[in-house]
Amino acid sequence: MPDDFGKDREGQIPTTLRLLVLLEEVAKAGVPVTPSSLKDTLNLPKPTLHRLFNTAEAAGFLQRDIDGRSYGPGPRLRQLSLNTVSSQRLRTVRLAILRSVAEKIGETCNIATPDRDGMIYLDRVETHWPLRIQLPVGTQVPFYCTASGKMYLSSLRPAYFDRYLSTATLDSRAPGTITSKADLKAEIETTRKRGYSTDDQEFMEGMAAIAVPILDNRKRLVSTLSVHAPLQRHDLAGLSRSVNTLKAAAQELTALINS
């Protein structure tokens, strides 16, 4: 988008576009922002900025961060993003890529996106095997004990991950669930270094999974691509041999969303 999009000849944003441009800048930032941090970018008076932020918050498009001063995407803006990503033209190609990787690996593959409280399954292609894990589109799963969730946590800046960790409740969900915050921090550091995440009976007993990131054109994680399988067919070591196949498909999906 050109830098002067939506501005008149004097460089001012027309009144009818101000809220949209504000939401665009908040989404682009990738981290919570304060009204004052956007003052120079939007070239609007401070009272106008505060009024726009308050309006967007009241309507559910923005949401205050825990510091009480900064804002991030609210539920309506996140849903708008999901609906946009799920548009039929993009989804047709995305499902073709997902179906191809599922056929190569021979197990169920998913695309998930981060929401405020967990990962939401956006798309899914099932394996042909009669024994399968049922996690339909729209299912929300925790961050701390799933491959997709841990991949997302590894993409956070260390300060934001520490903030998440300080308030997270790590309930045991399965035999392998990491319930120690120190152990989870070490696991996320390992995930960050190797570029993919794992779930070894952490979310569901008898299930293994791996996930890789799907990035935007600024190298930020926007979603994850994962594969999971019952241990009767694949243990974690066996499933991890599919990492390169997942990464290749993730690169195709990255190119698709950035085209």
Protein backbone atom coordinates (compact mmCIF):
# COMPACT_ATOMS: atom_id res chain seq x y z
CA MET A 1 0.00 0.00 0.00
CA PRO A 2 1.46 3.42 -0.90
CA ASP A 3 2.42 5.53 2.13
CA ASP A 4 0.06 8.32 1.07
CA PHE A 5 -2.98 6.04 0.67
CA GLY A 6 -6.10 7.69 2.07
CA LYS A 7 -4.51 11.14 2.49
CA ASP A 8 -5.67 14.36 0.86
CA ARG A 9 -3.44 16.94 -0.77
CA GLU A 10 -2.52 18.43 2.60
CA GLY A 11 -1.40 15.04 3.89
CA GLN A 12 -4.39 14.68 6.18
CA ILE A 13 -6.45 11.50 6.45
CA PRO A 14 -10.09 12.18 5.53
CA THR A 15 -12.48 11.83 8.47
CA THR A 16 -14.26 8.88 6.86
CA LEU A 17 -11.01 6.89 6.63
CA ARG A 18 -9.37 7.71 9.94
CA LEU A 19 -10.70 4.75 11.90
CA LEU A 20 -9.83 2.30 9.13
CA VAL A 21 -6.28 3.62 8.82
CA LEU A 22 -5.90 3.49 12.60
CA LEU A 23 -6.93 -0.19 12.66
CA GLU A 24 -4.56 -0.89 9.79
CA GLU A 25 -1.63 0.65 11.70
CA VAL A 26 -2.45 -1.28 14.89
CA ALA A 27 -2.59 -4.56 12.94
CA LYS A 28 0.63 -3.70 11.11
CA ALA A 29 2.52 -2.99 14.34
CA GLY A 30 2.26 -6.58 15.52
CA VAL A 31 2.54 -5.49 19.18
CA PRO A 32 0.25 -3.39 21.41
CA VAL A 33 0.56 0.34 20.66
CA THR A 34 -0.37 3.53 22.49
CA PRO A 35 -2.20 6.46 20.88
CA SER A 36 0.88 8.67 21.28
CA SER A 37 3.07 6.16 19.39
CA LEU A 38 0.90 6.67 16.27
CA LYS A 39 0.71 10.45 16.49
CA ASP A 40 3.48 11.08 13.93
CA THR A 41 2.43 8.21 11.67
CA LEU A 42 -1.18 9.37 11.38
CA ASN A 43 -0.49 13.10 11.76
CA LEU A 44 -3.62 13.59 13.87
CA PRO A 45 -4.14 15.66 17.02
CA LYS A 46 -3.77 13.77 20.30
CA PRO A 47 -7.44 14.29 21.34
CA THR A 48 -8.59 12.91 17.95
CA LEU A 49 -6.39 9.86 18.33
CA HIS A 50 -7.70 9.12 21.82
CA ARG A 51 -11.28 9.50 20.57
CA LEU A 52 -10.63 7.07 17.71
CA PHE A 53 -9.03 4.52 20.03
CA ASN A 54 -11.95 4.79 22.45
CA THR A 55 -14.46 4.35 19.62
CA ALA A 56 -12.65 1.29 18.26
CA GLU A 57 -12.38 -0.21 21.75
CA ALA A 58 -16.08 0.34 22.51
CA ALA A 59 -17.01 -1.37 19.22
CA GLY A 60 -14.75 -4.37 19.91
CA PHE A 61 -12.24 -3.70 17.14
CA LEU A 62 -9.46 -2.86 19.61
CA GLN A 63 -8.71 -4.21 23.05
CA ARG A 64 -6.58 -2.76 25.84
CA ASP A 65 -3.43 -4.60 26.77
CA ILE A 66 -2.75 -5.51 30.39
CA ASP A 67 -0.77 -2.30 30.98
CA GLY A 68 -4.01 -0.33 30.54
CA ARG A 69 -2.39 2.15 28.14
CA SER A 70 -1.70 0.25 24.93
CA TYR A 71 -4.07 -1.45 22.50
CA GLY A 72 -4.07 -4.50 20.27
CA PRO A 73 -6.63 -6.12 17.93
CA GLY A 74 -9.96 -6.82 19.60
CA PRO A 75 -12.33 -9.73 18.90
CA ARG A 76 -14.07 -8.06 15.93
CA LEU A 77 -10.80 -7.15 14.22
CA ARG A 78 -9.46 -10.67 14.76
CA GLN A 79 -12.66 -12.13 13.32
CA LEU A 80 -12.40 -9.75 10.36
CA SER A 81 -8.89 -11.04 9.78
CA LEU A 82 -10.05 -14.66 9.91
CA ASN A 83 -12.93 -13.97 7.51
CA THR A 84 -10.55 -12.24 5.10
CA VAL A 85 -8.05 -15.10 5.18
CA SER A 86 -10.93 -17.54 4.67
CA SER A 87 -12.25 -15.84 1.54
CA GLN A 88 -13.22 -18.44 -1.05
CA ARG A 89 -10.56 -17.64 -3.67
CA LEU A 90 -7.69 -17.92 -1.20
CA ARG A 91 -9.23 -20.87 0.58
CA THR A 92 -9.50 -22.92 -2.62
CA VAL A 93 -5.76 -22.67 -3.25
CA ARG A 94 -4.92 -23.04 0.43
CA LEU A 95 -6.90 -26.27 0.71
CA ALA A 96 -5.19 -27.63 -2.40
CA ILE A 97 -1.80 -27.08 -0.75
CA LEU A 98 -3.04 -28.56 2.51
CA ARG A 99 -4.49 -31.58 0.74
CA SER A 100 -1.20 -32.17 -1.11
CA VAL A 101 0.89 -32.18 2.07
CA ALA A 102 -1.66 -34.40 3.87
CA GLU A 103 -1.42 -36.93 1.04
CA LYS A 104 2.39 -36.89 1.10
CA ILE A 105 2.55 -37.45 4.86
CA GLY A 106 -0.52 -39.66 5.05
CA GLU A 107 -1.91 -37.95 8.16
CA THR A 108 -4.33 -35.14 9.06
CA CYS A 109 -2.98 -31.62 8.49
CA ASN A 110 -4.27 -28.36 9.95
CA ILE A 111 -3.83 -24.62 9.60
CA ALA A 112 -4.37 -22.73 12.85
CA THR A 113 -4.31 -19.04 13.72
CA PRO A 114 -3.64 -17.43 17.09
CA ASP A 115 -6.55 -15.94 19.00
CA ARG A 116 -6.45 -14.29 22.40
CA ASP A 117 -6.82 -17.48 24.47
CA GLY A 118 -5.52 -20.19 22.14
CA MET A 119 -5.10 -21.40 18.58
CA ILE A 120 -8.15 -21.65 16.31
CA TYR A 121 -8.25 -24.32 13.59
CA LEU A 122 -8.88 -22.47 10.33
CA ASP A 123 -8.58 -25.32 7.81
CA ARG A 124 -8.18 -29.08 8.02
CA VAL A 125 -7.69 -32.01 5.66
CA GLU A 126 -8.40 -35.43 7.15
CA THR A 127 -6.39 -38.59 6.69
CA HIS A 128 -8.05 -41.53 4.95
CA TRP A 129 -7.34 -43.80 7.95
CA PRO A 130 -10.42 -44.88 9.98
CA LEU A 131 -8.52 -44.12 13.22
CA ARG A 132 -8.19 -40.33 13.41
CA ILE A 133 -8.11 -37.44 15.89
CA GLN A 134 -11.28 -35.34 15.77
CA LEU A 135 -10.43 -31.62 15.97
CA PRO A 136 -12.83 -29.86 13.55
CA VAL A 137 -12.46 -26.40 12.01
CA GLY A 138 -13.27 -23.75 14.62
CA THR A 139 -11.85 -25.77 17.52
CA GLN A 140 -9.77 -23.71 19.96
CA VAL A 141 -6.78 -25.41 21.61
CA PRO A 142 -4.36 -24.10 24.27
CA PHE A 143 -1.05 -22.44 23.49
CA TYR A 144 1.15 -24.23 26.01
CA CYS A 145 0.43 -27.89 25.23
CA THR A 146 -0.09 -28.02 21.46
CA ALA A 147 2.38 -27.96 18.60
CA SER A 148 0.61 -25.03 16.92
CA GLY A 149 0.39 -23.11 20.19
CA LYS A 150 4.03 -23.62 21.11
CA MET A 151 5.04 -22.53 17.61
CA TYR A 152 3.12 -19.30 18.18
CA LEU A 153 4.64 -18.79 21.64
CA SER A 154 8.12 -19.18 20.16
CA SER A 155 7.38 -16.29 17.78
CA LEU A 156 6.69 -13.85 20.61
CA ARG A 157 9.31 -11.39 21.73
CA PRO A 158 10.93 -12.69 24.94
CA ALA A 159 9.32 -9.94 27.04
CA TYR A 160 5.85 -10.81 25.73
CA PHE A 161 6.41 -14.52 26.23
CA ASP A 162 7.54 -13.88 29.80
CA ARG A 163 4.37 -11.84 30.34
CA TYR A 164 2.28 -14.73 29.03
CA LEU A 165 4.17 -17.21 31.19
CA SER A 166 3.72 -15.14 34.34
CA THR A 167 -0.07 -15.40 34.12
CA ALA A 168 -0.55 -18.77 32.36
CA THR A 169 -2.08 -21.76 34.14
CA LEU A 170 -0.41 -24.93 32.90
CA ASP A 171 -3.03 -27.55 33.67
CA SER A 172 -2.17 -31.16 32.94
CA ARG A 173 -4.07 -32.34 29.86
CA ALA A 174 -2.27 -35.60 29.03
CA PRO A 175 0.70 -37.70 30.20
CA GLY A 176 3.26 -35.46 28.49
CA THR A 177 1.86 -32.01 29.37
CA ILE A 178 4.56 -29.57 30.47
CA THR A 179 3.26 -28.08 33.73
CA SER A 180 6.47 -26.43 34.92
CA LYS A 181 6.93 -22.85 33.74
CA ALA A 182 10.70 -23.25 33.71
CA ASP A 183 10.41 -26.36 31.55
CA LEU A 184 7.98 -24.66 29.17
CA LYS A 185 10.34 -21.70 28.81
CA ALA A 186 13.18 -24.10 27.93
CA GLU A 187 10.92 -25.90 25.44
CA ILE A 188 9.97 -22.61 23.73
CA GLU A 189 13.62 -21.62 23.47
CA THR A 190 14.36 -24.99 21.83
CA THR A 191 11.43 -24.51 19.45
CA ARG A 192 12.65 -21.04 18.50
CA LYS A 193 16.11 -22.37 17.64
CA ARG A 194 15.07 -25.40 15.59
CA GLY A 195 12.19 -23.72 13.71
CA TYR A 196 9.45 -26.23 14.42
CA SER A 197 7.44 -27.34 17.44
CA THR A 198 6.30 -30.66 18.82
CA ASP A 199 3.51 -32.18 20.90
CA ASP A 200 4.38 -35.54 22.44
CA GLN A 201 1.14 -36.55 24.20
CA GLU A 202 0.94 -33.07 25.73
CA PHE A 203 -2.55 -32.09 24.59
CA MET A 204 -4.12 -35.50 24.08
CA GLU A 205 -3.05 -38.94 25.25
CA GLY A 206 -1.92 -41.15 22.39
CA MET A 207 -1.31 -38.27 19.95
CA ALA A 208 1.87 -36.75 18.52
CA ALA A 209 2.10 -33.58 16.43
CA ILE A 210 4.56 -31.17 14.84
CA ALA A 211 4.01 -27.63 13.52
CA VAL A 212 5.85 -25.03 11.44
CA PRO A 213 5.16 -21.30 10.99
CA ILE A 214 3.40 -19.54 8.12
CA LEU A 215 4.78 -16.00 7.87
CA ASP A 216 3.72 -12.66 6.46
CA ASN A 217 5.95 -10.48 4.30
CA ARG A 218 7.52 -9.00 7.43
CA LYS A 219 8.53 -12.47 8.68
CA ARG A 220 5.88 -12.48 11.42
CA LEU A 221 3.91 -15.61 12.23
CA VAL A 222 0.30 -15.33 11.07
CA SER A 223 -0.67 -19.00 11.32
CA THR A 224 0.79 -22.47 11.66
CA LEU A 225 0.79 -25.62 9.58
CA SER A 226 0.71 -28.82 11.60
CA VAL A 227 0.28 -32.55 11.27
CA HIS A 228 -0.88 -34.90 14.00
CA ALA A 229 -1.33 -38.64 14.26
CA PRO A 230 -2.15 -41.36 16.77
CA LEU A 231 0.89 -43.10 18.24
CA GLN A 232 -0.33 -46.39 16.79
CA ARG A 233 0.89 -45.09 13.42
CA HIS A 234 3.56 -42.50 14.23
CA ASP A 235 5.55 -41.66 17.32
CA LEU A 236 7.06 -38.18 17.55
CA ALA A 237 10.38 -39.26 16.03
CA GLY A 238 8.62 -40.76 13.02
CA LEU A 239 6.37 -37.76 12.55
CA SER A 240 9.33 -35.37 12.81
CA ARG A 241 10.75 -36.84 9.62
CA SER A 242 8.00 -34.90 7.83
CA VAL A 243 9.33 -31.49 8.94
CA ASN A 244 10.85 -30.64 5.56
CA THR A 245 7.60 -31.52 3.78
CA LEU A 246 5.70 -29.23 6.15
CA LYS A 247 8.22 -26.42 5.73
CA ALA A 248 7.99 -26.60 1.94
CA ALA A 249 4.19 -26.39 2.11
CA ALA A 250 4.42 -23.53 4.62
CA GLN A 251 6.57 -21.60 2.15
CA GLU A 252 3.87 -22.07 -0.50
CA LEU A 253 1.23 -20.81 1.93
CA THR A 254 3.44 -17.87 2.87
CA ALA A 255 3.75 -16.94 -0.81
CA LEU A 256 -0.02 -17.27 -1.20
CA ILE A 257 -0.98 -14.90 1.60
CA ASN A 258 1.66 -12.37 0.54
CA SER A 259 0.76 -12.41 -3.17
